[in-house]
Amino acid sequence: MKILKSAVIAFSLAVAMGSFSTAAVAEAGRTHFKPLDAVKGVQDHIAAAEAAINNGADGAEVAAHIKKAADTSEEINANDKVSRENSKVLKHLKAAQATAKAANLQETKEHLTKAKEVLENLKKLI
């Protein structure tokens, strides 16, 4: 009887856990891009940040564009080499965001230029 009780509890637990689709729950609220589409999105956001700098926008607006680029960059996932290059892009974008918040827009431009160069190398890997 003790074995039957344990089997019934294990079976009911398995049924309860399997009633929810974990894939559906895990993907809720997340936008997915193909790797090249995500790279294009990052390039577009970087171009918008550079245009904002050239038009005399304040650091907060430029930082917002860079934040969008960093968020889109996190969608780039293809393999380990791409992931390593993407981490370099993220490093430059985070540095650019920090300098934009500090209103050092010249240094922000330099970090954005470096991020664009790494993105071009990343495109070749995809």
C-alpha atoms as a PDB file:
ATOM      1  CA  MET A   1       0.000   0.000   0.000  1.00  0.00           C
ATOM      2  CA  LYS A   2       2.873   2.342   0.794  1.00  0.00           C
ATOM      3  CA  ILE A   3       4.355   1.793  -2.691  1.00  0.00           C
ATOM      4  CA  LEU A   4       1.001   2.441  -4.334  1.00  0.00           C
ATOM      5  CA  LYS A   5       0.598   5.682  -2.378  1.00  0.00           C
ATOM      6  CA  SER A   6       4.068   6.893  -3.486  1.00  0.00           C
ATOM      7  CA  ALA A   7       3.323   5.968  -7.094  1.00  0.00           C
ATOM      8  CA  VAL A   8       0.026   7.883  -7.059  1.00  0.00           C
ATOM      9  CA  ILE A   9       1.697  10.977  -5.589  1.00  0.00           C
ATOM     10  CA  ALA A  10       4.537  10.825  -8.133  1.00  0.00           C
ATOM     11  CA  PHE A  11       2.084  10.391 -11.001  1.00  0.00           C
ATOM     12  CA  SER A  12      -0.112  13.295  -9.869  1.00  0.00           C
ATOM     13  CA  LEU A  13       2.935  15.525  -9.454  1.00  0.00           C
ATOM     14  CA  ALA A  14       4.146  14.647 -12.952  1.00  0.00           C
ATOM     15  CA  VAL A  15       0.723  15.414 -14.429  1.00  0.00           C
ATOM     16  CA  ALA A  16       0.516  18.721 -12.572  1.00  0.00           C
ATOM     17  CA  MET A  17       3.978  19.836 -13.750  1.00  0.00           C
ATOM     18  CA  GLY A  18       3.344  18.748 -17.318  1.00  0.00           C
ATOM     19  CA  SER A  19       0.054  20.602 -17.612  1.00  0.00           C
ATOM     20  CA  PHE A  20       1.838  23.869 -18.425  1.00  0.00           C
ATOM     21  CA  SER A  21       3.890  24.218 -21.537  1.00  0.00           C
ATOM     22  CA  THR A  22       7.265  25.439 -20.321  1.00  0.00           C
ATOM     23  CA  ALA A  23       8.203  26.647 -23.788  1.00  0.00           C
ATOM     24  CA  ALA A  24       5.114  28.839 -23.969  1.00  0.00           C
ATOM     25  CA  VAL A  25       5.729  30.250 -20.514  1.00  0.00           C
ATOM     26  CA  ALA A  26       9.420  30.897 -21.125  1.00  0.00           C
ATOM     27  CA  GLU A  27       8.878  32.779 -24.373  1.00  0.00           C
ATOM     28  CA  ALA A  28       6.130  35.093 -23.132  1.00  0.00           C
ATOM     29  CA  GLY A  29       6.805  38.759 -23.754  1.00  0.00           C
ATOM     30  CA  ARG A  30      10.054  38.361 -25.652  1.00  0.00           C
ATOM     31  CA  THR A  31      10.627  39.490 -29.215  1.00  0.00           C
ATOM     32  CA  HIS A  32      12.743  37.252 -31.422  1.00  0.00           C
ATOM     33  CA  PHE A  33      14.842  38.349 -34.367  1.00  0.00           C
ATOM     34  CA  LYS A  34      17.007  36.502 -36.814  1.00  0.00           C
ATOM     35  CA  PRO A  35      20.680  37.269 -36.049  1.00  0.00           C
ATOM     36  CA  LEU A  36      21.156  39.459 -39.135  1.00  0.00           C
ATOM     37  CA  ASP A  37      17.920  41.350 -38.394  1.00  0.00           C
ATOM     38  CA  ALA A  38      19.122  41.983 -34.852  1.00  0.00           C
ATOM     39  CA  VAL A  39      22.479  43.256 -36.144  1.00  0.00           C
ATOM     40  CA  LYS A  40      20.622  45.589 -38.516  1.00  0.00           C
ATOM     41  CA  GLY A  41      18.498  46.814 -35.603  1.00  0.00           C
ATOM     42  CA  VAL A  42      21.598  47.539 -33.518  1.00  0.00           C
ATOM     43  CA  GLN A  43      23.137  49.439 -36.426  1.00  0.00           C
ATOM     44  CA  ASP A  44      19.936  51.471 -36.825  1.00  0.00           C
ATOM     45  CA  HIS A  45      19.898  52.393 -33.129  1.00  0.00           C
ATOM     46  CA  ILE A  46      23.588  53.339 -33.236  1.00  0.00           C
ATOM     47  CA  ALA A  47      22.911  55.520 -36.283  1.00  0.00           C
ATOM     48  CA  ALA A  48      20.020  57.170 -34.410  1.00  0.00           C
ATOM     49  CA  ALA A  49      22.310  57.838 -31.436  1.00  0.00           C
ATOM     50  CA  GLU A  50      24.963  59.368 -33.705  1.00  0.00           C
ATOM     51  CA  ALA A  51      22.327  61.499 -35.433  1.00  0.00           C
ATOM     52  CA  ALA A  52      21.109  62.683 -32.033  1.00  0.00           C
ATOM     53  CA  ILE A  53      24.665  63.651 -31.074  1.00  0.00           C
ATOM     54  CA  ASN A  54      25.130  65.540 -34.353  1.00  0.00           C
ATOM     55  CA  ASN A  55      21.804  67.339 -33.861  1.00  0.00           C
ATOM     56  CA  GLY A  56      22.835  68.543 -30.415  1.00  0.00           C
ATOM     57  CA  ALA A  57      20.637  66.295 -28.285  1.00  0.00           C
ATOM     58  CA  ASP A  58      21.288  65.975 -24.583  1.00  0.00           C
ATOM     59  CA  GLY A  59      23.063  62.985 -23.050  1.00  0.00           C
ATOM     60  CA  ALA A  60      19.874  61.372 -21.726  1.00  0.00           C
ATOM     61  CA  GLU A  61      18.337  61.143 -25.200  1.00  0.00           C
ATOM     62  CA  VAL A  62      21.538  59.690 -26.654  1.00  0.00           C
ATOM     63  CA  ALA A  63      21.749  57.218 -23.759  1.00  0.00           C
ATOM     64  CA  ALA A  64      18.176  56.103 -24.499  1.00  0.00           C
ATOM     65  CA  HIS A  65      19.113  55.293 -28.114  1.00  0.00           C
ATOM     66  CA  ILE A  66      22.187  53.407 -26.929  1.00  0.00           C
ATOM     67  CA  LYS A  67      20.077  51.452 -24.394  1.00  0.00           C
ATOM     68  CA  LYS A  68      17.762  50.350 -27.225  1.00  0.00           C
ATOM     69  CA  ALA A  69      20.821  49.244 -29.229  1.00  0.00           C
ATOM     70  CA  ALA A  70      22.128  47.241 -26.259  1.00  0.00           C
ATOM     71  CA  ASP A  71      18.729  45.608 -25.736  1.00  0.00           C
ATOM     72  CA  THR A  72      18.559  44.624 -29.404  1.00  0.00           C
ATOM     73  CA  SER A  73      22.143  43.369 -29.283  1.00  0.00           C
ATOM     74  CA  GLU A  74      21.160  40.862 -26.620  1.00  0.00           C
ATOM     75  CA  GLU A  75      18.953  39.148 -29.228  1.00  0.00           C
ATOM     76  CA  ILE A  76      21.993  38.196 -31.331  1.00  0.00           C
ATOM     77  CA  ASN A  77      22.739  34.533 -30.710  1.00  0.00           C
ATOM     78  CA  ALA A  78      24.128  32.147 -33.283  1.00  0.00           C
ATOM     79  CA  ASN A  79      27.216  30.402 -31.882  1.00  0.00           C
ATOM     80  CA  ASP A  80      30.143  30.901 -29.497  1.00  0.00           C
ATOM     81  CA  LYS A  81      32.223  33.076 -31.826  1.00  0.00           C
ATOM     82  CA  VAL A  82      29.253  35.349 -32.485  1.00  0.00           C
ATOM     83  CA  SER A  83      28.569  35.496 -28.754  1.00  0.00           C
ATOM     84  CA  ARG A  84      32.143  36.599 -28.017  1.00  0.00           C
ATOM     85  CA  GLU A  85      31.978  39.346 -30.649  1.00  0.00           C
ATOM     86  CA  ASN A  86      28.561  40.393 -29.392  1.00  0.00           C
ATOM     87  CA  SER A  87      29.949  40.756 -25.863  1.00  0.00           C
ATOM     88  CA  LYS A  88      32.548  43.176 -27.273  1.00  0.00           C
ATOM     89  CA  VAL A  89      29.750  45.195 -28.889  1.00  0.00           C
ATOM     90  CA  LEU A  90      27.856  45.250 -25.607  1.00  0.00           C
ATOM     91  CA  LYS A  91      30.987  46.388 -23.772  1.00  0.00           C
ATOM     92  CA  HIS A  92      31.367  49.383 -26.120  1.00  0.00           C
ATOM     93  CA  LEU A  93      27.652  50.170 -25.947  1.00  0.00           C
ATOM     94  CA  LYS A  94      27.669  50.131 -22.135  1.00  0.00           C
ATOM     95  CA  ALA A  95      30.717  52.417 -22.114  1.00  0.00           C
ATOM     96  CA  ALA A  96      29.028  54.717 -24.617  1.00  0.00           C
ATOM     97  CA  GLN A  97      25.893  54.790 -22.497  1.00  0.00           C
ATOM     98  CA  ALA A  98      27.895  55.709 -19.390  1.00  0.00           C
ATOM     99  CA  THR A  99      29.735  58.508 -21.171  1.00  0.00           C
ATOM    100  CA  ALA A 100      26.487  59.798 -22.685  1.00  0.00           C
ATOM    101  CA  LYS A 101      24.928  59.998 -19.227  1.00  0.00           C
ATOM    102  CA  ALA A 102      28.003  61.932 -18.119  1.00  0.00           C
ATOM    103  CA  ALA A 103      27.458  64.309 -21.100  1.00  0.00           C
ATOM    104  CA  ASN A 104      30.816  63.401 -22.666  1.00  0.00           C
ATOM    105  CA  LEU A 105      29.437  63.048 -26.185  1.00  0.00           C
ATOM    106  CA  GLN A 106      32.806  63.075 -27.981  1.00  0.00           C
ATOM    107  CA  GLU A 107      33.916  59.963 -26.115  1.00  0.00           C
ATOM    108  CA  THR A 108      30.454  58.477 -26.721  1.00  0.00           C
ATOM    109  CA  LYS A 109      31.001  58.875 -30.461  1.00  0.00           C
ATOM    110  CA  GLU A 110      34.312  57.033 -30.206  1.00  0.00           C
ATOM    111  CA  HIS A 111      32.711  54.094 -28.393  1.00  0.00           C
ATOM    112  CA  LEU A 112      29.886  53.982 -30.942  1.00  0.00           C
ATOM    113  CA  THR A 113      32.418  53.917 -33.783  1.00  0.00           C
ATOM    114  CA  LYS A 114      34.235  51.000 -32.142  1.00  0.00           C
ATOM    115  CA  ALA A 115      30.924  49.190 -31.646  1.00  0.00           C
ATOM    116  CA  LYS A 116      30.108  49.637 -35.345  1.00  0.00           C
ATOM    117  CA  GLU A 117      33.490  48.171 -36.325  1.00  0.00           C
ATOM    118  CA  VAL A 118      32.926  45.107 -34.143  1.00  0.00           C
ATOM    119  CA  LEU A 119      29.399  44.752 -35.579  1.00  0.00           C
ATOM    120  CA  GLU A 120      30.865  44.589 -39.088  1.00  0.00           C
ATOM    121  CA  ASN A 121      33.163  41.762 -37.967  1.00  0.00           C
ATOM    122  CA  LEU A 122      30.191  40.072 -36.313  1.00  0.00           C
ATOM    123  CA  LYS A 123      28.189  40.204 -39.557  1.00  0.00           C
ATOM    124  CA  LYS A 124      30.930  38.222 -41.288  1.00  0.00           C
ATOM    125  CA  LEU A 125      30.628  35.455 -38.678  1.00  0.00           C
ATOM    126  CA  ILE A 126      26.896  34.964 -39.162  1.00  0.00           C
END
